[in-house]
PDB file of all heavy atoms in Angstrom:
ATOM      1  N   PHE A   1     112.929  69.262  95.238  1.00  0.00           N
ATOM      2  CA  PHE A   1     112.561  67.933  95.729  1.00  0.00           C
ATOM      3  C   PHE A   1     111.103  67.965  96.166  1.00  0.00           C
ATOM      4  O   PHE A   1     110.633  68.965  96.711  1.00  0.00           O
ATOM      5  CB  PHE A   1     113.436  67.525  96.924  1.00  0.00           C
ATOM      6  CG  PHE A   1     114.898  67.527  96.628  1.00  0.00           C
ATOM      7  CD1 PHE A   1     115.688  68.596  97.007  1.00  0.00           C
ATOM      8  CD2 PHE A   1     115.494  66.476  95.947  1.00  0.00           C
ATOM      9  CE1 PHE A   1     117.043  68.629  96.721  1.00  0.00           C
ATOM     10  CE2 PHE A   1     116.848  66.495  95.662  1.00  0.00           C
ATOM     11  CZ  PHE A   1     117.623  67.576  96.044  1.00  0.00           C
ATOM     12  N   TYR A   2     110.400  66.858  95.942  1.00  0.00           N
ATOM     13  CA  TYR A   2     108.996  66.766  96.336  1.00  0.00           C
ATOM     14  C   TYR A   2     108.743  65.427  96.993  1.00  0.00           C
ATOM     15  O   TYR A   2     109.132  64.378  96.466  1.00  0.00           O
ATOM     16  CB  TYR A   2     108.082  66.935  95.120  1.00  0.00           C
ATOM     17  CG  TYR A   2     106.624  66.783  95.471  1.00  0.00           C
ATOM     18  CD1 TYR A   2     106.000  67.698  96.311  1.00  0.00           C
ATOM     19  CD2 TYR A   2     105.884  65.714  94.990  1.00  0.00           C
ATOM     20  CE1 TYR A   2     104.663  67.544  96.662  1.00  0.00           C
ATOM     21  CE2 TYR A   2     104.556  65.560  95.325  1.00  0.00           C
ATOM     22  CZ  TYR A   2     103.944  66.481  96.164  1.00  0.00           C
ATOM     23  OH  TYR A   2     102.624  66.327  96.504  1.00  0.00           O
ATOM     24  N   CYS A   3     108.090  65.456  98.152  1.00  0.00           N
ATOM     25  CA  CYS A   3     107.705  64.248  98.881  1.00  0.00           C
ATOM     26  C   CYS A   3     106.185  64.111  98.790  1.00  0.00           C
ATOM     27  O   CYS A   3     105.456  64.842  99.464  1.00  0.00           O
ATOM     28  CB  CYS A   3     108.144  64.358 100.337  1.00  0.00           C
ATOM     29  SG  CYS A   3     107.630  62.935 101.329  1.00  0.00           S
ATOM     30  N   PRO A   4     105.704  63.194  97.938  1.00  0.00           N
ATOM     31  CA  PRO A   4     104.261  63.035  97.761  1.00  0.00           C
ATOM     32  C   PRO A   4     103.515  62.669  99.047  1.00  0.00           C
ATOM     33  O   PRO A   4     102.435  63.184  99.304  1.00  0.00           O
ATOM     34  CB  PRO A   4     104.129  61.907  96.730  1.00  0.00           C
ATOM     35  CG  PRO A   4     105.455  61.817  96.064  1.00  0.00           C
ATOM     36  CD  PRO A   4     106.466  62.297  97.062  1.00  0.00           C
ATOM     37  N   GLU A   5     104.108  61.785  99.855  1.00  0.00           N
ATOM     38  CA  GLU A   5     103.425  61.322 101.071  1.00  0.00           C
ATOM     39  C   GLU A   5     103.137  62.471 102.028  1.00  0.00           C
ATOM     40  O   GLU A   5     102.114  62.472 102.719  1.00  0.00           O
ATOM     41  CB  GLU A   5     104.251  60.264 101.808  1.00  0.00           C
ATOM     42  CG  GLU A   5     104.453  58.979 101.046  1.00  0.00           C
ATOM     43  CD  GLU A   5     105.742  58.942 100.234  1.00  0.00           C
ATOM     44  OE1 GLU A   5     106.273  60.015  99.859  1.00  0.00           O
ATOM     45  OE2 GLU A   5     106.230  57.841  99.978  1.00  0.00           O
ATOM     46  N   LYS A   6     104.015  63.429 102.080  1.00  0.00           N
ATOM     47  CA  LYS A   6     103.867  64.564 103.003  1.00  0.00           C
ATOM     48  C   LYS A   6     103.400  65.831 102.299  1.00  0.00           C
ATOM     49  O   LYS A   6     103.232  66.862 102.945  1.00  0.00           O
ATOM     50  CB  LYS A   6     105.196  64.845 103.717  1.00  0.00           C
ATOM     51  CG  LYS A   6     105.704  63.706 104.568  1.00  0.00           C
ATOM     52  CD  LYS A   6     104.837  63.502 105.786  1.00  0.00           C
ATOM     53  CE  LYS A   6     105.413  62.434 106.693  1.00  0.00           C
ATOM     54  NZ  LYS A   6     104.681  62.306 107.942  1.00  0.00           N
ATOM     55  N   ARG A   7     103.218  65.743 100.966  1.00  0.00           N
ATOM     56  CA  ARG A   7     102.846  66.918 100.156  1.00  0.00           C
ATOM     57  C   ARG A   7     103.752  68.104 100.502  1.00  0.00           C
ATOM     58  O   ARG A   7     103.305  69.220 100.734  1.00  0.00           O
ATOM     59  CB  ARG A   7     101.367  67.270 100.334  1.00  0.00           C
ATOM     60  CG  ARG A   7     100.439  66.209  99.744  1.00  0.00           C
ATOM     61  CD  ARG A   7      98.988  66.585  99.774  1.00  0.00           C
ATOM     62  NE  ARG A   7      98.635  67.730  98.945  1.00  0.00           N
ATOM     63  CZ  ARG A   7      98.315  67.675  97.653  1.00  0.00           C
ATOM     64  NH1 ARG A   7      98.335  66.521  97.019  1.00  0.00           N
ATOM     65  NH2 ARG A   7      97.979  68.770  96.993  1.00  0.00           N
ATOM     66  N   THR A   8     105.041  67.787 100.541  1.00  0.00           N
ATOM     67  CA  THR A   8     106.043  68.763 100.967  1.00  0.00           C
ATOM     68  C   THR A   8     107.135  68.909  99.918  1.00  0.00           C
ATOM     69  O   THR A   8     107.625  67.924  99.369  1.00  0.00           O
ATOM     70  CB  THR A   8     106.669  68.340 102.314  1.00  0.00           C
ATOM     71  OG1 THR A   8     105.625  68.286 103.294  1.00  0.00           O
ATOM     72  CG2 THR A   8     107.725  69.314 102.772  1.00  0.00           C
ATOM     73  N   ILE A   9     107.511  70.160  99.704  1.00  0.00           N
ATOM     74  CA  ILE A   9     108.574  70.524  98.782  1.00  0.00           C
ATOM     75  C   ILE A   9     109.788  70.926  99.603  1.00  0.00           C
ATOM     76  O   ILE A   9     109.651  71.597 100.620  1.00  0.00           O
ATOM     77  CB  ILE A   9     108.127  71.711  97.902  1.00  0.00           C
ATOM     78  CG1 ILE A   9     106.960  71.285  97.012  1.00  0.00           C
ATOM     79  CG2 ILE A   9     109.281  72.286  97.099  1.00  0.00           C
ATOM     80  CD1 ILE A   9     106.174  72.441  96.451  1.00  0.00           C
ATOM     81  N   ILE A  10     110.974  70.526  99.146  1.00  0.00           N
ATOM     82  CA  ILE A  10     112.218  71.008  99.741  1.00  0.00           C
ATOM     83  C   ILE A  10     112.923  71.818  98.670  1.00  0.00           C
ATOM     84  O   ILE A  10     113.177  71.323  97.572  1.00  0.00           O
ATOM     85  CB  ILE A  10     113.122  69.856 100.211  1.00  0.00           C
ATOM     86  CG1 ILE A  10     112.417  69.020 101.272  1.00  0.00           C
ATOM     87  CG2 ILE A  10     114.451  70.415 100.750  1.00  0.00           C
ATOM     88  CD1 ILE A  10     113.182  67.754 101.677  1.00  0.00           C
ATOM     89  N   GLU A  11     113.210  73.061  99.003  1.00  0.00           N
ATOM     90  CA  GLU A  11     113.905  73.957  98.091  1.00  0.00           C
ATOM     91  C   GLU A  11     115.259  74.330  98.687  1.00  0.00           C
ATOM     92  O   GLU A  11     115.337  74.670  99.868  1.00  0.00           O
ATOM     93  CB  GLU A  11     113.104  75.239  97.869  1.00  0.00           C
ATOM     94  CG  GLU A  11     111.956  75.088  96.904  1.00  0.00           C
ATOM     95  CD  GLU A  11     112.412  74.827  95.489  1.00  0.00           C
ATOM     96  OE1 GLU A  11     113.207  75.608  94.948  1.00  0.00           O
ATOM     97  OE2 GLU A  11     111.965  73.829  94.910  1.00  0.00           O
ATOM     98  N   ILE A  12     116.285  74.243  97.881  1.00  0.00           N
ATOM     99  CA  ILE A  12     117.607  74.685  98.295  1.00  0.00           C
ATOM    100  C   ILE A  12     117.791  76.095  97.757  1.00  0.00           C
ATOM    101  O   ILE A  12     117.756  76.316  96.549  1.00  0.00           O
ATOM    102  CB  ILE A  12     118.713  73.751  97.778  1.00  0.00           C
ATOM    103  CG1 ILE A  12     118.502  72.349  98.350  1.00  0.00           C
ATOM    104  CG2 ILE A  12     120.088  74.302  98.163  1.00  0.00           C
ATOM    105  CD1 ILE A  12     119.474  71.327  97.849  1.00  0.00           C
ATOM    106  N   ASP A  13     117.951  77.030  98.669  1.00  0.00           N
ATOM    107  CA  ASP A  13     118.050  78.437  98.298  1.00  0.00           C
ATOM    108  C   ASP A  13     119.496  78.902  98.316  1.00  0.00           C
ATOM    109  O   ASP A  13     120.154  78.880  99.352  1.00  0.00           O
ATOM    110  CB  ASP A  13     117.232  79.307  99.255  1.00  0.00           C
ATOM    111  CG  ASP A  13     115.737  79.040  99.161  1.00  0.00           C
ATOM    112  OD1 ASP A  13     115.301  78.486  98.135  1.00  0.00           O
ATOM    113  OD2 ASP A  13     115.015  79.390 100.107  1.00  0.00           O
ATOM    114  N   GLY A  14     119.960  79.315  97.151  1.00  0.00           N
ATOM    115  CA  GLY A  14     121.299  79.870  97.014  1.00  0.00           C
ATOM    116  C   GLY A  14     121.225  81.359  96.767  1.00  0.00           C
ATOM    117  O   GLY A  14     120.165  81.989  96.929  1.00  0.00           O
ATOM    118  N   VAL A  15     122.311  81.939  96.344  1.00  0.00           N
ATOM    119  CA  VAL A  15     122.368  83.391  96.140  1.00  0.00           C
ATOM    120  C   VAL A  15     121.447  83.868  95.025  1.00  0.00           C
ATOM    121  O   VAL A  15     121.013  85.014  95.047  1.00  0.00           O
ATOM    122  CB  VAL A  15     123.814  83.877  95.860  1.00  0.00           C
ATOM    123  CG1 VAL A  15     124.684  83.702  97.077  1.00  0.00           C
ATOM    124  CG2 VAL A  15     124.399  83.179  94.665  1.00  0.00           C
ATOM    125  N   THR A  16     121.100  83.023  94.072  1.00  0.00           N
ATOM    126  CA  THR A  16     120.218  83.460  92.984  1.00  0.00           C
ATOM    127  C   THR A  16     118.843  83.861  93.506  1.00  0.00           C
ATOM    128  O   THR A  16     118.165  84.681  92.900  1.00  0.00           O
ATOM    129  CB  THR A  16     120.045  82.372  91.909  1.00  0.00           C
ATOM    130  OG1 THR A  16     119.482  81.210  92.511  1.00  0.00           O
ATOM    131  CG2 THR A  16     121.370  82.048  91.248  1.00  0.00           C
ATOM    132  N   HIS A  17     118.430  83.305  94.629  1.00  0.00           N
ATOM    133  CA  HIS A  17     117.122  83.642  95.192  1.00  0.00           C
ATOM    134  C   HIS A  17     117.086  85.071  95.730  1.00  0.00           C
ATOM    135  O   HIS A  17     116.011  85.652  95.883  1.00  0.00           O
ATOM    136  CB  HIS A  17     116.719  82.639  96.278  1.00  0.00           C
ATOM    137  CG  HIS A  17     116.355  81.306  95.720  1.00  0.00           C
ATOM    138  ND1 HIS A  17     115.075  80.980  95.356  1.00  0.00           N
ATOM    139  CD2 HIS A  17     117.108  80.227  95.437  1.00  0.00           C
ATOM    140  CE1 HIS A  17     115.054  79.750  94.873  1.00  0.00           C
ATOM    141  NE2 HIS A  17     116.278  79.266  94.913  1.00  0.00           N
ATOM    142  N   ASP A  18     118.251  85.643  95.991  1.00  0.00           N
ATOM    143  CA  ASP A  18     118.312  87.022  96.468  1.00  0.00           C
ATOM    144  C   ASP A  18     117.790  87.999  95.423  1.00  0.00           C
ATOM    145  O   ASP A  18     117.356  89.095  95.750  1.00  0.00           O
ATOM    146  CB  ASP A  18     119.755  87.408  96.831  1.00  0.00           C
ATOM    147  CG  ASP A  18     120.296  86.602  97.997  1.00  0.00           C
ATOM    148  OD1 ASP A  18     119.492  85.990  98.733  1.00  0.00           O
ATOM    149  OD2 ASP A  18     121.528  86.569  98.167  1.00  0.00           O
ATOM    150  N   TYR A  19     117.820  87.607  94.163  1.00  0.00           N
ATOM    151  CA  TYR A  19     117.439  88.490  93.076  1.00  0.00           C
ATOM    152  C   TYR A  19     116.074  88.155  92.485  1.00  0.00           C
ATOM    153  O   TYR A  19     115.676  88.764  91.499  1.00  0.00           O
ATOM    154  CB  TYR A  19     118.508  88.447  91.971  1.00  0.00           C
ATOM    155  CG  TYR A  19     119.888  88.704  92.510  1.00  0.00           C
ATOM    156  CD1 TYR A  19     120.787  87.665  92.700  1.00  0.00           C
ATOM    157  CD2 TYR A  19     120.287  89.991  92.861  1.00  0.00           C
ATOM    158  CE1 TYR A  19     122.057  87.902  93.213  1.00  0.00           C
ATOM    159  CE2 TYR A  19     121.553  90.238  93.377  1.00  0.00           C
ATOM    160  CZ  TYR A  19     122.427  89.186  93.555  1.00  0.00           C
ATOM    161  OH  TYR A  19     123.667  89.421  94.075  1.00  0.00           O
ATOM    162  N   LYS A  20     115.380  87.177  93.061  1.00  0.00           N
ATOM    163  CA  LYS A  20     114.104  86.732  92.502  1.00  0.00           C
ATOM    164  C   LYS A  20     112.990  86.769  93.540  1.00  0.00           C
ATOM    165  O   LYS A  20     112.129  85.909  93.557  1.00  0.00           O
ATOM    166  CB  LYS A  20     114.221  85.303  91.982  1.00  0.00           C
ATOM    167  CG  LYS A  20     115.353  85.017  91.066  1.00  0.00           C
ATOM    168  CD  LYS A  20     115.303  83.621  90.481  1.00  0.00           C
ATOM    169  CE  LYS A  20     115.101  82.523  91.489  1.00  0.00           C
ATOM    170  NZ  LYS A  20     115.127  81.190  90.937  1.00  0.00           N
ATOM    171  N   ALA A  21     112.984  87.752  94.403  1.00  0.00           N
ATOM    172  CA  ALA A  21     112.025  87.795  95.514  1.00  0.00           C
ATOM    173  C   ALA A  21     110.575  87.762  95.033  1.00  0.00           C
ATOM    174  O   ALA A  21     109.758  87.003  95.572  1.00  0.00           O
ATOM    175  CB  ALA A  21     112.275  89.015  96.379  1.00  0.00           C
ATOM    176  N   ASN A  22     110.226  88.547  94.026  1.00  0.00           N
ATOM    177  CA  ASN A  22     108.846  88.573  93.537  1.00  0.00           C
ATOM    178  C   ASN A  22     108.447  87.242  92.914  1.00  0.00           C
ATOM    179  O   ASN A  22     107.352  86.738  93.153  1.00  0.00           O
ATOM    180  CB  ASN A  22     108.644  89.710  92.532  1.00  0.00           C
ATOM    181  CG  ASN A  22     108.664  91.066  93.196  1.00  0.00           C
ATOM    182  OD1 ASN A  22     108.412  91.184  94.393  1.00  0.00           O
ATOM    183  ND2 ASN A  22     108.969  92.090  92.426  1.00  0.00           N
ATOM    184  N   TYR A  23     109.329  86.679  92.112  1.00  0.00           N
ATOM    185  CA  TYR A  23     109.067  85.375  91.491  1.00  0.00           C
ATOM    186  C   TYR A  23     108.874  84.309  92.567  1.00  0.00           C
ATOM    187  O   TYR A  23     107.925  83.522  92.507  1.00  0.00           O
ATOM    188  CB  TYR A  23     110.237  85.003  90.576  1.00  0.00           C
ATOM    189  CG  TYR A  23     110.170  83.597  90.030  1.00  0.00           C
ATOM    190  CD1 TYR A  23     109.425  83.313  88.889  1.00  0.00           C
ATOM    191  CD2 TYR A  23     110.855  82.547  90.652  1.00  0.00           C
ATOM    192  CE1 TYR A  23     109.365  82.022  88.381  1.00  0.00           C
ATOM    193  CE2 TYR A  23     110.793  81.262  90.153  1.00  0.00           C
ATOM    194  CZ  TYR A  23     110.048  80.990  89.017  1.00  0.00           C
ATOM    195  OH  TYR A  23     109.985  79.718  88.535  1.00  0.00           O
ATOM    196  N   ASP A  24     109.765  84.295  93.548  1.00  0.00           N
ATOM    197  CA  ASP A  24     109.675  83.301  94.624  1.00  0.00           C
ATOM    198  C   ASP A  24     108.387  83.453  95.423  1.00  0.00           C
ATOM    199  O   ASP A  24     107.777  82.463  95.820  1.00  0.00           O
ATOM    200  CB  ASP A  24     110.890  83.398  95.549  1.00  0.00           C
ATOM    201  CG  ASP A  24     112.150  82.819  94.932  1.00  0.00           C
ATOM    202  OD1 ASP A  24     112.055  82.109  93.909  1.00  0.00           O
ATOM    203  OD2 ASP A  24     113.247  83.073  95.471  1.00  0.00           O
ATOM    204  N   LYS A  25     107.971  84.688  95.643  1.00  0.00           N
ATOM    205  CA  LYS A  25     106.739  84.932  96.403  1.00  0.00           C
ATOM    206  C   LYS A  25     105.526  84.407  95.642  1.00  0.00           C
ATOM    207  O   LYS A  25     104.670  83.726  96.211  1.00  0.00           O
ATOM    208  CB  LYS A  25     106.588  86.425  96.700  1.00  0.00           C
ATOM    209  CG  LYS A  25     105.394  86.750  97.557  1.00  0.00           C
ATOM    210  CD  LYS A  25     105.324  88.230  97.875  1.00  0.00           C
ATOM    211  CE  LYS A  25     104.113  88.519  98.738  1.00  0.00           C
ATOM    212  NZ  LYS A  25     104.012  89.938  99.056  1.00  0.00           N
ATOM    213  N   GLU A  26     105.443  84.719  94.348  1.00  0.00           N
ATOM    214  CA  GLU A  26     104.335  84.227  93.518  1.00  0.00           C
ATOM    215  C   GLU A  26     104.309  82.702  93.490  1.00  0.00           C
ATOM    216  O   GLU A  26     103.255  82.078  93.588  1.00  0.00           O
ATOM    217  CB  GLU A  26     104.463  84.750  92.090  1.00  0.00           C
ATOM    218  CG  GLU A  26     104.135  86.205  91.929  1.00  0.00           C
ATOM    219  CD  GLU A  26     104.328  86.680  90.495  1.00  0.00           C
ATOM    220  OE1 GLU A  26     104.312  85.846  89.562  1.00  0.00           O
ATOM    221  OE2 GLU A  26     104.501  87.898  90.310  1.00  0.00           O
TER     222      GLU A  26
END
């Protein structure tokens, strides 16, 4: 999700993010 007015992203993090630490960091 992206809110242009606030230049803010909302990310929902599930279990798949546990295996993508380097990708998420970049």
